[in-house]
Amino acid sequence: MIKLLSVAIVAALFLESHQRVPGPEDPLYPKGPEEPEEPEMCCTNWFDRDNPSGTGDWELLKDLRKEYPGQICKYPAYVEAVTTDTMTSAISTGDTFYIFTPTQGLVCRNKDQSEGMCSD
């Protein structure tokens, strides 16, 4: 047992002393975590794919992306919506929105409105 242990210690010391230590330019050199890519800032044009007739005004992001491929920011940060007739901010219309998020888009349901119809 002692002889075996001695051989193992000598082998470990020999291997440790002959290992090559990689430098920063070496592809094997350990690197820190890479910086995550910042999403590009972009603005889209105004899109109006639906009218409030029927059940309401459905401006869902998934539908807009199908209708306008490549024209909408990949990672929207916020929603800005205006009426098509007077460019009034959608929030200022008094409409109640079912959905109003950058990840889903905008949905205004006619049944949720006191006047019975969403603005376009």
PDB file of N, CA and C in Angstrom:
ATOM      1  N   MET A   1       0.820  -1.180   0.000  1.00  0.00           N
ATOM      2  CA  MET A   1       0.000   0.000   0.000  1.00  0.00           C
ATOM      3  C   MET A   1       0.869   1.251   0.000  1.00  0.00           C
ATOM      4  N   ILE A   2       1.902   1.272   0.780  1.00  0.00           N
ATOM      5  CA  ILE A   2       2.793   2.436   0.836  1.00  0.00           C
ATOM      6  C   ILE A   2       3.462   2.642  -0.512  1.00  0.00           C
ATOM      7  N   LYS A   3       3.919   1.569  -1.141  1.00  0.00           N
ATOM      8  CA  LYS A   3       4.590   1.662  -2.432  1.00  0.00           C
ATOM      9  C   LYS A   3       3.644   2.238  -3.479  1.00  0.00           C
ATOM     10  N   LEU A   4       2.431   1.796  -3.513  1.00  0.00           N
ATOM     11  CA  LEU A   4       1.430   2.261  -4.464  1.00  0.00           C
ATOM     12  C   LEU A   4       1.128   3.736  -4.249  1.00  0.00           C
ATOM     13  N   LEU A   5       1.002   4.135  -3.017  1.00  0.00           N
ATOM     14  CA  LEU A   5       0.742   5.520  -2.692  1.00  0.00           C
ATOM     15  C   LEU A   5       1.892   6.400  -3.134  1.00  0.00           C
ATOM     16  N   SER A   6       3.119   5.947  -2.942  1.00  0.00           N
ATOM     17  CA  SER A   6       4.296   6.713  -3.349  1.00  0.00           C
ATOM     18  C   SER A   6       4.307   6.903  -4.850  1.00  0.00           C
ATOM     19  N   VAL A   7       3.988   5.872  -5.591  1.00  0.00           N
ATOM     20  CA  VAL A   7       3.969   5.958  -7.049  1.00  0.00           C
ATOM     21  C   VAL A   7       2.903   6.945  -7.496  1.00  0.00           C
ATOM     22  N   ALA A   8       1.747   6.926  -6.870  1.00  0.00           N
ATOM     23  CA  ALA A   8       0.665   7.835  -7.229  1.00  0.00           C
ATOM     24  C   ALA A   8       1.063   9.276  -6.958  1.00  0.00           C
ATOM     25  N   ILE A   9       1.726   9.540  -5.846  1.00  0.00           N
ATOM     26  CA  ILE A   9       2.154  10.900  -5.508  1.00  0.00           C
ATOM     27  C   ILE A   9       3.200  11.380  -6.498  1.00  0.00           C
ATOM     28  N   VAL A  10       4.160  10.543  -6.863  1.00  0.00           N
ATOM     29  CA  VAL A  10       5.200  10.912  -7.822  1.00  0.00           C
ATOM     30  C   VAL A  10       4.565  11.187  -9.188  1.00  0.00           C
ATOM     31  N   ALA A  11       3.649  10.337  -9.622  1.00  0.00           N
ATOM     32  CA  ALA A  11       2.987  10.530 -10.917  1.00  0.00           C
ATOM     33  C   ALA A  11       2.206  11.834 -10.929  1.00  0.00           C
ATOM     34  N   ALA A  12       1.495  12.140  -9.847  1.00  0.00           N
ATOM     35  CA  ALA A  12       0.720  13.374  -9.777  1.00  0.00           C
ATOM     36  C   ALA A  12       1.630  14.587  -9.819  1.00  0.00           C
ATOM     37  N   LEU A  13       2.737  14.582  -9.093  1.00  0.00           N
ATOM     38  CA  LEU A  13       3.691  15.696  -9.113  1.00  0.00           C
ATOM     39  C   LEU A  13       4.304  15.868 -10.501  1.00  0.00           C
ATOM     40  N   PHE A  14       4.634  14.742 -11.169  1.00  0.00           N
ATOM     41  CA  PHE A  14       5.217  14.806 -12.507  1.00  0.00           C
ATOM     42  C   PHE A  14       4.221  15.424 -13.494  1.00  0.00           C
ATOM     43  N   LEU A  15       2.979  14.969 -13.463  1.00  0.00           N
ATOM     44  CA  LEU A  15       1.966  15.491 -14.390  1.00  0.00           C
ATOM     45  C   LEU A  15       1.688  16.966 -14.127  1.00  0.00           C
ATOM     46  N   GLU A  16       1.606  17.351 -12.876  1.00  0.00           N
ATOM     47  CA  GLU A  16       1.319  18.734 -12.527  1.00  0.00           C
ATOM     48  C   GLU A  16       2.436  19.660 -12.999  1.00  0.00           C
ATOM     49  N   SER A  17       3.661  19.251 -12.900  1.00  0.00           N
ATOM     50  CA  SER A  17       4.786  20.101 -13.285  1.00  0.00           C
ATOM     51  C   SER A  17       4.941  20.214 -14.796  1.00  0.00           C
ATOM     52  N   HIS A  18       4.323  19.315 -15.573  1.00  0.00           N
ATOM     53  CA  HIS A  18       4.461  19.340 -17.033  1.00  0.00           C
ATOM     54  C   HIS A  18       3.192  19.800 -17.752  1.00  0.00           C
ATOM     55  N   GLN A  19       2.251  20.319 -17.017  1.00  0.00           N
ATOM     56  CA  GLN A  19       1.042  20.826 -17.667  1.00  0.00           C
ATOM     57  C   GLN A  19       1.306  22.205 -18.246  1.00  0.00           C
ATOM     58  N   ARG A  20       0.774  22.447 -19.422  1.00  0.00           N
ATOM     59  CA  ARG A  20       0.895  23.747 -20.072  1.00  0.00           C
ATOM     60  C   ARG A  20      -0.229  24.651 -19.565  1.00  0.00           C
ATOM     61  N   VAL A  21       0.086  25.853 -19.157  1.00  0.00           N
ATOM     62  CA  VAL A  21      -0.912  26.802 -18.673  1.00  0.00           C
ATOM     63  C   VAL A  21      -1.288  27.714 -19.840  1.00  0.00           C
ATOM     64  N   PRO A  22      -2.561  27.701 -20.260  1.00  0.00           N
ATOM     65  CA  PRO A  22      -2.955  28.541 -21.403  1.00  0.00           C
ATOM     66  C   PRO A  22      -2.971  30.025 -21.020  1.00  0.00           C
ATOM     67  N   GLY A  23      -2.622  30.878 -21.989  1.00  0.00           N
ATOM     68  CA  GLY A  23      -2.672  32.327 -21.799  1.00  0.00           C
ATOM     69  C   GLY A  23      -3.961  32.896 -22.366  1.00  0.00           C
ATOM     70  N   PRO A  24      -4.210  34.197 -22.176  1.00  0.00           N
ATOM     71  CA  PRO A  24      -5.461  34.811 -22.646  1.00  0.00           C
ATOM     72  C   PRO A  24      -5.703  34.675 -24.142  1.00  0.00           C
ATOM     73  N   GLU A  25      -4.638  34.582 -24.943  1.00  0.00           N
ATOM     74  CA  GLU A  25      -4.819  34.454 -26.396  1.00  0.00           C
ATOM     75  C   GLU A  25      -5.092  33.027 -26.826  1.00  0.00           C
ATOM     76  N   ASP A  26      -4.919  32.084 -25.914  1.00  0.00           N
ATOM     77  CA  ASP A  26      -5.122  30.669 -26.203  1.00  0.00           C
ATOM     78  C   ASP A  26      -6.625  30.369 -26.260  1.00  0.00           C
ATOM     79  N   PRO A  27      -7.083  29.604 -27.276  1.00  0.00           N
ATOM     80  CA  PRO A  27      -8.510  29.282 -27.364  1.00  0.00           C
ATOM     81  C   PRO A  27      -9.020  28.471 -26.168  1.00  0.00           C
ATOM     82  N   LEU A  28      -8.115  27.806 -25.426  1.00  0.00           N
ATOM     83  CA  LEU A  28      -8.531  27.018 -24.265  1.00  0.00           C
ATOM     84  C   LEU A  28      -8.571  27.838 -22.982  1.00  0.00           C
ATOM     85  N   TYR A  29      -8.129  29.088 -23.066  1.00  0.00           N
ATOM     86  CA  TYR A  29      -8.105  29.949 -21.880  1.00  0.00           C
ATOM     87  C   TYR A  29      -9.533  30.198 -21.402  1.00  0.00           C
ATOM     88  N   PRO A  30      -9.795  30.003 -20.106  1.00  0.00           N
ATOM     89  CA  PRO A  30     -11.180  30.209 -19.635  1.00  0.00           C
ATOM     90  C   PRO A  30     -11.606  31.660 -19.776  1.00  0.00           C
ATOM     91  N   LYS A  31     -12.750  31.861 -20.353  1.00  0.00           N
ATOM     92  CA  LYS A  31     -13.293  33.202 -20.568  1.00  0.00           C
ATOM     93  C   LYS A  31     -14.413  33.447 -19.566  1.00  0.00           C
ATOM     94  N   GLY A  32     -14.618  34.697 -19.225  1.00  0.00           N
ATOM     95  CA  GLY A  32     -15.722  35.068 -18.343  1.00  0.00           C
ATOM     96  C   GLY A  32     -17.020  35.028 -19.132  1.00  0.00           C
ATOM     97  N   PRO A  33     -18.123  35.267 -18.470  1.00  0.00           N
ATOM     98  CA  PRO A  33     -19.402  35.267 -19.196  1.00  0.00           C
ATOM     99  C   PRO A  33     -19.431  36.398 -20.207  1.00  0.00           C
ATOM    100  N   GLU A  34     -19.954  36.074 -21.387  1.00  0.00           N
ATOM    101  CA  GLU A  34     -20.028  37.092 -22.431  1.00  0.00           C
ATOM    102  C   GLU A  34     -21.132  38.079 -22.097  1.00  0.00           C
ATOM    103  N   GLU A  35     -20.916  39.305 -22.515  1.00  0.00           N
ATOM    104  CA  GLU A  35     -21.926  40.341 -22.301  1.00  0.00           C
ATOM    105  C   GLU A  35     -23.139  40.021 -23.170  1.00  0.00           C
ATOM    106  N   PRO A  36     -24.340  40.066 -22.607  1.00  0.00           N
ATOM    107  CA  PRO A  36     -25.523  39.819 -23.441  1.00  0.00           C
ATOM    108  C   PRO A  36     -25.701  40.952 -24.447  1.00  0.00           C
ATOM    109  N   GLU A  37     -26.211  40.585 -25.622  1.00  0.00           N
ATOM    110  CA  GLU A  37     -26.441  41.597 -26.644  1.00  0.00           C
ATOM    111  C   GLU A  37     -27.590  42.497 -26.228  1.00  0.00           C
ATOM    112  N   GLU A  38     -27.386  43.786 -26.433  1.00  0.00           N
ATOM    113  CA  GLU A  38     -28.460  44.738 -26.170  1.00  0.00           C
ATOM    114  C   GLU A  38     -29.430  44.676 -27.336  1.00  0.00           C
ATOM    115  N   PRO A  39     -30.735  44.591 -27.065  1.00  0.00           N
ATOM    116  CA  PRO A  39     -31.679  44.611 -28.187  1.00  0.00           C
ATOM    117  C   PRO A  39     -31.615  45.964 -28.895  1.00  0.00           C
ATOM    118  N   GLU A  40     -31.709  45.906 -30.202  1.00  0.00           N
ATOM    119  CA  GLU A  40     -31.679  47.143 -30.981  1.00  0.00           C
ATOM    120  C   GLU A  40     -32.908  47.983 -30.683  1.00  0.00           C
ATOM    121  N   MET A  41     -32.693  49.280 -30.599  1.00  0.00           N
ATOM    122  CA  MET A  41     -33.823  50.188 -30.438  1.00  0.00           C
ATOM    123  C   MET A  41     -34.386  50.460 -31.827  1.00  0.00           C
ATOM    124  N   CYS A  42     -35.686  50.375 -31.949  1.00  0.00           N
ATOM    125  CA  CYS A  42     -36.296  50.683 -33.241  1.00  0.00           C
ATOM    126  C   CYS A  42     -37.722  51.161 -33.011  1.00  0.00           C
ATOM    127  N   CYS A  43     -38.233  51.841 -33.982  1.00  0.00           N
ATOM    128  CA  CYS A  43     -39.626  52.288 -33.973  1.00  0.00           C
ATOM    129  C   CYS A  43     -40.287  51.738 -35.225  1.00  0.00           C
ATOM    130  N   THR A  44     -41.544  51.407 -35.107  1.00  0.00           N
ATOM    131  CA  THR A  44     -42.270  50.929 -36.280  1.00  0.00           C
ATOM    132  C   THR A  44     -43.178  52.037 -36.796  1.00  0.00           C
ATOM    133  N   ASN A  45     -43.647  51.840 -37.992  1.00  0.00           N
ATOM    134  CA  ASN A  45     -44.662  52.737 -38.547  1.00  0.00           C
ATOM    135  C   ASN A  45     -45.995  52.436 -37.860  1.00  0.00           C
ATOM    136  N   TRP A  46     -46.978  53.260 -38.136  1.00  0.00           N
ATOM    137  CA  TRP A  46     -48.322  53.005 -37.622  1.00  0.00           C
ATOM    138  C   TRP A  46     -48.955  51.910 -38.465  1.00  0.00           C
ATOM    139  N   PHE A  47     -49.655  50.985 -37.815  1.00  0.00           N
ATOM    140  CA  PHE A  47     -50.361  49.920 -38.514  1.00  0.00           C
ATOM    141  C   PHE A  47     -51.809  49.883 -38.040  1.00  0.00           C
ATOM    142  N   ASP A  48     -52.720  49.728 -38.990  1.00  0.00           N
ATOM    143  CA  ASP A  48     -54.143  49.621 -38.688  1.00  0.00           C
ATOM    144  C   ASP A  48     -54.681  48.467 -39.513  1.00  0.00           C
ATOM    145  N   ARG A  49     -54.827  47.303 -38.914  1.00  0.00           N
ATOM    146  CA  ARG A  49     -55.250  46.131 -39.666  1.00  0.00           C
ATOM    147  C   ARG A  49     -56.713  45.775 -39.441  1.00  0.00           C
ATOM    148  N   ASP A  50     -57.370  46.423 -38.463  1.00  0.00           N
ATOM    149  CA  ASP A  50     -58.750  46.070 -38.152  1.00  0.00           C
ATOM    150  C   ASP A  50     -59.545  47.336 -37.863  1.00  0.00           C
ATOM    151  N   ASN A  51     -60.847  47.255 -38.040  1.00  0.00           N
ATOM    152  CA  ASN A  51     -61.765  48.348 -37.705  1.00  0.00           C
ATOM    153  C   ASN A  51     -62.653  47.894 -36.558  1.00  0.00           C
ATOM    154  N   PRO A  52     -63.208  48.826 -35.780  1.00  0.00           N
ATOM    155  CA  PRO A  52     -63.986  48.427 -34.621  1.00  0.00           C
ATOM    156  C   PRO A  52     -65.373  47.858 -34.918  1.00  0.00           C
ATOM    157  N   SER A  53     -65.705  47.688 -36.180  1.00  0.00           N
ATOM    158  CA  SER A  53     -66.995  47.057 -36.478  1.00  0.00           C
ATOM    159  C   SER A  53     -66.918  45.597 -36.015  1.00  0.00           C
ATOM    160  N   GLY A  54     -68.041  44.982 -35.841  1.00  0.00           N
ATOM    161  CA  GLY A  54     -68.035  43.603 -35.339  1.00  0.00           C
ATOM    162  C   GLY A  54     -67.849  43.605 -33.828  1.00  0.00           C
ATOM    163  N   THR A  55     -66.863  42.856 -33.347  1.00  0.00           N
ATOM    164  CA  THR A  55     -66.678  42.713 -31.894  1.00  0.00           C
ATOM    165  C   THR A  55     -65.744  43.760 -31.297  1.00  0.00           C
ATOM    166  N   GLY A  56     -65.005  44.486 -32.131  1.00  0.00           N
ATOM    167  CA  GLY A  56     -64.082  45.503 -31.613  1.00  0.00           C
ATOM    168  C   GLY A  56     -62.903  45.717 -32.536  1.00  0.00           C
ATOM    169  N   ASP A  57     -61.883  46.338 -32.014  1.00  0.00           N
ATOM    170  CA  ASP A  57     -60.661  46.648 -32.773  1.00  0.00           C
ATOM    171  C   ASP A  57     -59.552  45.730 -32.277  1.00  0.00           C
ATOM    172  N   TRP A  58     -59.163  44.763 -33.105  1.00  0.00           N
ATOM    173  CA  TRP A  58     -58.192  43.737 -32.738  1.00  0.00           C
ATOM    174  C   TRP A  58     -56.883  44.002 -33.476  1.00  0.00           C
ATOM    175  N   GLU A  59     -55.956  44.628 -32.797  1.00  0.00           N
ATOM    176  CA  GLU A  59     -54.641  44.951 -33.362  1.00  0.00           C
ATOM    177  C   GLU A  59     -53.590  44.110 -32.634  1.00  0.00           C
ATOM    178  N   LEU A  60     -53.694  42.795 -32.791  1.00  0.00           N
ATOM    179  CA  LEU A  60     -52.782  41.886 -32.111  1.00  0.00           C
ATOM    180  C   LEU A  60     -51.436  41.824 -32.819  1.00  0.00           C
ATOM    181  N   LEU A  61     -50.374  41.800 -32.030  1.00  0.00           N
ATOM    182  CA  LEU A  61     -49.015  41.795 -32.563  1.00  0.00           C
ATOM    183  C   LEU A  61     -48.766  40.602 -33.484  1.00  0.00           C
ATOM    184  N   LYS A  62     -49.271  39.432 -33.103  1.00  0.00           N
ATOM    185  CA  LYS A  62     -49.061  38.242 -33.948  1.00  0.00           C
ATOM    186  C   LYS A  62     -49.705  38.412 -35.328  1.00  0.00           C
ATOM    187  N   ASP A  63     -50.866  39.042 -35.381  1.00  0.00           N
ATOM    188  CA  ASP A  63     -51.539  39.269 -36.667  1.00  0.00           C
ATOM    189  C   ASP A  63     -50.828  40.354 -37.471  1.00  0.00           C
ATOM    190  N   LEU A  64     -50.391  41.409 -36.781  1.00  0.00           N
ATOM    191  CA  LEU A  64     -49.662  42.481 -37.468  1.00  0.00           C
ATOM    192  C   LEU A  64     -48.358  41.960 -38.064  1.00  0.00           C
ATOM    193  N   ARG A  65     -47.668  41.084 -37.347  1.00  0.00           N
ATOM    194  CA  ARG A  65     -46.404  40.520 -37.859  1.00  0.00           C
ATOM    195  C   ARG A  65     -46.648  39.675 -39.111  1.00  0.00           C
ATOM    196  N   LYS A  66     -47.764  38.947 -39.154  1.00  0.00           N
ATOM    197  CA  LYS A  66     -48.096  38.156 -40.344  1.00  0.00           C
ATOM    198  C   LYS A  66     -48.401  39.071 -41.526  1.00  0.00           C
ATOM    199  N   GLU A  67     -49.137  40.127 -41.257  1.00  0.00           N
ATOM    200  CA  GLU A  67     -49.561  41.045 -42.313  1.00  0.00           C
ATOM    201  C   GLU A  67     -48.437  41.965 -42.788  1.00  0.00           C
ATOM    202  N   TYR A  68     -47.513  42.287 -41.880  1.00  0.00           N
ATOM    203  CA  TYR A  68     -46.399  43.195 -42.193  1.00  0.00           C
ATOM    204  C   TYR A  68     -45.072  42.545 -41.797  1.00  0.00           C
ATOM    205  N   PRO A  69     -44.688  41.461 -42.483  1.00  0.00           N
ATOM    206  CA  PRO A  69     -43.480  40.731 -42.085  1.00  0.00           C
ATOM    207  C   PRO A  69     -42.218  41.606 -42.153  1.00  0.00           C
ATOM    208  N   GLY A  70     -41.406  41.494 -41.091  1.00  0.00           N
ATOM    209  CA  GLY A  70     -40.135  42.210 -41.038  1.00  0.00           C
ATOM    210  C   GLY A  70     -40.245  43.701 -40.779  1.00  0.00           C
ATOM    211  N   GLN A  71     -41.444  44.227 -40.554  1.00  0.00           N
ATOM    212  CA  GLN A  71     -41.615  45.673 -40.389  1.00  0.00           C
ATOM    213  C   GLN A  71     -41.882  46.092 -38.939  1.00  0.00           C
ATOM    214  N   ILE A  72     -41.856  45.126 -38.035  1.00  0.00           N
ATOM    215  CA  ILE A  72     -42.150  45.422 -36.630  1.00  0.00           C
ATOM    216  C   ILE A  72     -40.945  45.019 -35.789  1.00  0.00           C
ATOM    217  N   CYS A  73     -40.615  45.848 -34.815  1.00  0.00           N
ATOM    218  CA  CYS A  73     -39.475  45.576 -33.926  1.00  0.00           C
ATOM    219  C   CYS A  73     -39.567  44.159 -33.359  1.00  0.00           C
ATOM    220  N   LYS A  74     -38.422  43.533 -33.222  1.00  0.00           N
ATOM    221  CA  LYS A  74     -38.374  42.166 -32.704  1.00  0.00           C
ATOM    222  C   LYS A  74     -38.796  42.102 -31.233  1.00  0.00           C
ATOM    223  N   TYR A  75     -38.341  43.069 -30.443  1.00  0.00           N
ATOM    224  CA  TYR A  75     -38.658  43.104 -29.012  1.00  0.00           C
ATOM    225  C   TYR A  75     -39.295  44.446 -28.661  1.00  0.00           C
ATOM    226  N   PRO A  76     -40.600  44.607 -28.896  1.00  0.00           N
ATOM    227  CA  PRO A  76     -41.248  45.883 -28.586  1.00  0.00           C
ATOM    228  C   PRO A  76     -41.145  46.209 -27.091  1.00  0.00           C
ATOM    229  N   ALA A  77     -40.883  47.468 -26.787  1.00  0.00           N
ATOM    230  CA  ALA A  77     -40.749  47.907 -25.399  1.00  0.00           C
ATOM    231  C   ALA A  77     -42.045  48.519 -24.873  1.00  0.00           C
ATOM    232  N   TYR A  78     -42.819  49.120 -25.752  1.00  0.00           N
ATOM    233  CA  TYR A  78     -44.082  49.716 -25.325  1.00  0.00           C
ATOM    234  C   TYR A  78     -45.006  49.872 -26.522  1.00  0.00           C
ATOM    235  N   VAL A  79     -46.271  50.155 -26.229  1.00  0.00           N
ATOM    236  CA  VAL A  79     -47.280  50.356 -27.262  1.00  0.00           C
ATOM    237  C   VAL A  79     -47.651  51.832 -27.279  1.00  0.00           C
ATOM    238  N   GLU A  80     -47.693  52.384 -28.457  1.00  0.00           N
ATOM    239  CA  GLU A  80     -48.203  53.745 -28.627  1.00  0.00           C
ATOM    240  C   GLU A  80     -49.292  53.640 -29.686  1.00  0.00           C
ATOM    241  N   ALA A  81     -50.502  54.014 -29.319  1.00  0.00           N
ATOM    242  CA  ALA A  81     -51.631  53.893 -30.238  1.00  0.00           C
ATOM    243  C   ALA A  81     -52.394  55.208 -30.308  1.00  0.00           C
ATOM    244  N   VAL A  82     -52.862  55.524 -31.511  1.00  0.00           N
ATOM    245  CA  VAL A  82     -53.657  56.737 -31.736  1.00  0.00           C
ATOM    246  C   VAL A  82     -54.858  56.381 -32.604  1.00  0.00           C
ATOM    247  N   THR A  83     -55.855  57.240 -32.565  1.00  0.00           N
ATOM    248  CA  THR A  83     -57.020  57.029 -33.420  1.00  0.00           C
ATOM    249  C   THR A  83     -56.645  57.368 -34.860  1.00  0.00           C
ATOM    250  N   THR A  84     -57.327  56.708 -35.793  1.00  0.00           N
ATOM    251  CA  THR A  84     -56.996  56.926 -37.204  1.00  0.00           C
ATOM    252  C   THR A  84     -57.535  58.246 -37.739  1.00  0.00           C
ATOM    253  N   ASP A  85     -58.577  58.782 -37.120  1.00  0.00           N
ATOM    254  CA  ASP A  85     -59.184  60.010 -37.654  1.00  0.00           C
ATOM    255  C   ASP A  85     -58.514  61.290 -37.127  1.00  0.00           C
ATOM    256  N   THR A  86     -58.269  61.366 -35.833  1.00  0.00           N
ATOM    257  CA  THR A  86     -57.731  62.618 -35.260  1.00  0.00           C
ATOM    258  C   THR A  86     -56.346  62.457 -34.633  1.00  0.00           C
ATOM    259  N   MET A  87     -55.776  61.256 -34.701  1.00  0.00           N
ATOM    260  CA  MET A  87     -54.467  60.968 -34.096  1.00  0.00           C
ATOM    261  C   MET A  87     -54.470  61.243 -32.586  1.00  0.00           C
ATOM    262  N   THR A  88     -55.632  61.072 -31.955  1.00  0.00           N
ATOM    263  CA  THR A  88     -55.757  61.217 -30.508  1.00  0.00           C
ATOM    264  C   THR A  88     -55.152  59.981 -29.860  1.00  0.00           C
ATOM    265  N   SER A  89     -54.399  60.180 -28.785  1.00  0.00           N
ATOM    266  CA  SER A  89     -53.815  59.053 -28.067  1.00  0.00           C
ATOM    267  C   SER A  89     -54.932  58.102 -27.638  1.00  0.00           C
ATOM    268  N   ALA A  90     -54.730  56.810 -27.856  1.00  0.00           N
ATOM    269  CA  ALA A  90     -55.757  55.817 -27.521  1.00  0.00           C
ATOM    270  C   ALA A  90     -56.127  55.878 -26.050  1.00  0.00           C
ATOM    271  N   ILE A  91     -55.165  56.148 -25.205  1.00  0.00           N
ATOM    272  CA  ILE A  91     -55.424  56.227 -23.765  1.00  0.00           C
ATOM    273  C   ILE A  91     -56.348  57.406 -23.443  1.00  0.00           C
ATOM    274  N   SER A  92     -56.315  58.457 -24.256  1.00  0.00           N
ATOM    275  CA  SER A  92     -57.142  59.647 -24.019  1.00  0.00           C
ATOM    276  C   SER A  92     -58.564  59.517 -24.562  1.00  0.00           C
ATOM    277  N   THR A  93     -58.884  58.430 -25.241  1.00  0.00           N
ATOM    278  CA  THR A  93     -60.217  58.281 -25.843  1.00  0.00           C
ATOM    279  C   THR A  93     -61.288  57.905 -24.834  1.00  0.00           C
ATOM    280  N   GLY A  94     -60.877  57.389 -23.697  1.00  0.00           N
ATOM    281  CA  GLY A  94     -61.854  56.900 -22.723  1.00  0.00           C
ATOM    282  C   GLY A  94     -62.235  55.453 -22.972  1.00  0.00           C
ATOM    283  N   ASP A  95     -61.703  54.858 -24.038  1.00  0.00           N
ATOM    284  CA  ASP A  95     -61.980  53.446 -24.318  1.00  0.00           C
ATOM    285  C   ASP A  95     -61.372  52.572 -23.223  1.00  0.00           C
ATOM    286  N   THR A  96     -62.022  51.445 -22.964  1.00  0.00           N
ATOM    287  CA  THR A  96     -61.505  50.440 -22.049  1.00  0.00           C
ATOM    288  C   THR A  96     -60.839  49.368 -22.900  1.00  0.00           C
ATOM    289  N   PHE A  97     -59.586  49.072 -22.608  1.00  0.00           N
ATOM    290  CA  PHE A  97     -58.839  48.100 -23.415  1.00  0.00           C
ATOM    291  C   PHE A  97     -58.780  46.746 -22.733  1.00  0.00           C
ATOM    292  N   TYR A  98     -59.042  45.734 -23.503  1.00  0.00           N
ATOM    293  CA  TYR A  98     -58.961  44.354 -23.022  1.00  0.00           C
ATOM    294  C   TYR A  98     -57.495  43.929 -22.969  1.00  0.00           C
ATOM    295  N   ILE A  99     -56.732  44.321 -23.999  1.00  0.00           N
ATOM    296  CA  ILE A  99     -55.283  44.068 -24.064  1.00  0.00           C
ATOM    297  C   ILE A  99     -54.611  45.348 -24.535  1.00  0.00           C
ATOM    298  N   PHE A 100     -53.519  45.708 -23.890  1.00  0.00           N
ATOM    299  CA  PHE A 100     -52.724  46.875 -24.303  1.00  0.00           C
ATOM    300  C   PHE A 100     -51.304  46.636 -23.790  1.00  0.00           C
ATOM    301  N   THR A 101     -50.573  45.730 -24.453  1.00  0.00           N
ATOM    302  CA  THR A 101     -49.225  45.377 -24.012  1.00  0.00           C
ATOM    303  C   THR A 101     -48.272  45.298 -25.205  1.00  0.00           C
ATOM    304  N   PRO A 102     -46.977  45.544 -24.973  1.00  0.00           N
ATOM    305  CA  PRO A 102     -46.014  45.450 -26.070  1.00  0.00           C
ATOM    306  C   PRO A 102     -45.811  44.026 -26.572  1.00  0.00           C
ATOM    307  N   THR A 103     -46.119  43.025 -25.769  1.00  0.00           N
ATOM    308  CA  THR A 103     -45.918  41.645 -26.211  1.00  0.00           C
ATOM    309  C   THR A 103     -47.129  41.073 -26.935  1.00  0.00           C
ATOM    310  N   GLN A 104     -48.313  41.684 -26.746  1.00  0.00           N
ATOM    311  CA  GLN A 104     -49.513  41.164 -27.393  1.00  0.00           C
ATOM    312  C   GLN A 104     -50.138  42.140 -28.375  1.00  0.00           C
ATOM    313  N   GLY A 105     -50.019  43.418 -28.134  1.00  0.00           N
ATOM    314  CA  GLY A 105     -50.641  44.411 -28.988  1.00  0.00           C
ATOM    315  C   GLY A 105     -51.807  45.083 -28.290  1.00  0.00           C
ATOM    316  N   LEU A 106     -52.846  45.391 -29.060  1.00  0.00           N
ATOM    317  CA  LEU A 106     -53.980  46.145 -28.543  1.00  0.00           C
ATOM    318  C   LEU A 106     -55.278  45.455 -28.936  1.00  0.00           C
ATOM    319  N   VAL A 107     -56.181  45.321 -27.975  1.00  0.00           N
ATOM    320  CA  VAL A 107     -57.534  44.832 -28.256  1.00  0.00           C
ATOM    321  C   VAL A 107     -58.509  45.713 -27.496  1.00  0.00           C
ATOM    322  N   CYS A 108     -59.442  46.270 -28.242  1.00  0.00           N
ATOM    323  CA  CYS A 108     -60.531  47.049 -27.663  1.00  0.00           C
ATOM    324  C   CYS A 108     -61.812  46.328 -28.060  1.00  0.00           C
ATOM    325  N   ARG A 109     -62.559  45.839 -27.065  1.00  0.00           N
ATOM    326  CA  ARG A 109     -63.797  45.116 -27.352  1.00  0.00           C
ATOM    327  C   ARG A 109     -64.979  46.077 -27.230  1.00  0.00           C
ATOM    328  N   ASN A 110     -65.829  46.057 -28.237  1.00  0.00           N
ATOM    329  CA  ASN A 110     -67.008  46.931 -28.227  1.00  0.00           C
ATOM    330  C   ASN A 110     -67.886  46.704 -26.995  1.00  0.00           C
ATOM    331  N   LYS A 111     -68.009  45.484 -26.558  1.00  0.00           N
ATOM    332  CA  LYS A 111     -68.886  45.179 -25.413  1.00  0.00           C
ATOM    333  C   LYS A 111     -68.403  45.809 -24.110  1.00  0.00           C
ATOM    334  N   ASP A 112     -67.137  46.224 -24.034  1.00  0.00           N
ATOM    335  CA  ASP A 112     -66.589  46.849 -22.828  1.00  0.00           C
ATOM    336  C   ASP A 112     -66.745  48.367 -22.814  1.00  0.00           C
ATOM    337  N   GLN A 113     -67.311  48.949 -23.887  1.00  0.00           N
ATOM    338  CA  GLN A 113     -67.379  50.404 -24.013  1.00  0.00           C
ATOM    339  C   GLN A 113     -68.754  50.925 -23.605  1.00  0.00           C
ATOM    340  N   SER A 114     -68.759  52.030 -22.889  1.00  0.00           N
ATOM    341  CA  SER A 114     -70.044  52.636 -22.487  1.00  0.00           C
ATOM    342  C   SER A 114     -70.815  53.148 -23.690  1.00  0.00           C
ATOM    343  N   GLU A 115     -70.103  53.584 -24.721  1.00  0.00           N
ATOM    344  CA  GLU A 115     -70.740  54.070 -25.952  1.00  0.00           C
ATOM    345  C   GLU A 115     -71.096  52.921 -26.897  1.00  0.00           C
ATOM    346  N   GLY A 116     -70.606  51.706 -26.585  1.00  0.00           N
ATOM    347  CA  GLY A 116     -70.924  50.538 -27.403  1.00  0.00           C
ATOM    348  C   GLY A 116     -69.981  50.302 -28.572  1.00  0.00           C
ATOM    349  N   MET A 117     -69.034  51.209 -28.807  1.00  0.00           N
ATOM    350  CA  MET A 117     -68.128  51.038 -29.952  1.00  0.00           C
ATOM    351  C   MET A 117     -66.756  51.610 -29.594  1.00  0.00           C
ATOM    352  N   CYS A 118     -65.705  50.881 -29.950  1.00  0.00           N
ATOM    353  CA  CYS A 118     -64.330  51.351 -29.755  1.00  0.00           C
ATOM    354  C   CYS A 118     -63.977  52.402 -30.804  1.00  0.00           C
ATOM    355  N   SER A 119     -63.037  53.245 -30.465  1.00  0.00           N
ATOM    356  CA  SER A 119     -62.470  54.150 -31.477  1.00  0.00           C
ATOM    357  C   SER A 119     -61.572  53.312 -32.376  1.00  0.00           C
ATOM    358  N   ASP A 120     -61.352  53.799 -33.602  1.00  0.00           N
ATOM    359  CA  ASP A 120     -60.456  53.069 -34.520  1.00  0.00           C
ATOM    360  C   ASP A 120     -59.062  53.656 -34.396  1.00  0.00           C
TER     361      ASP A 120
END
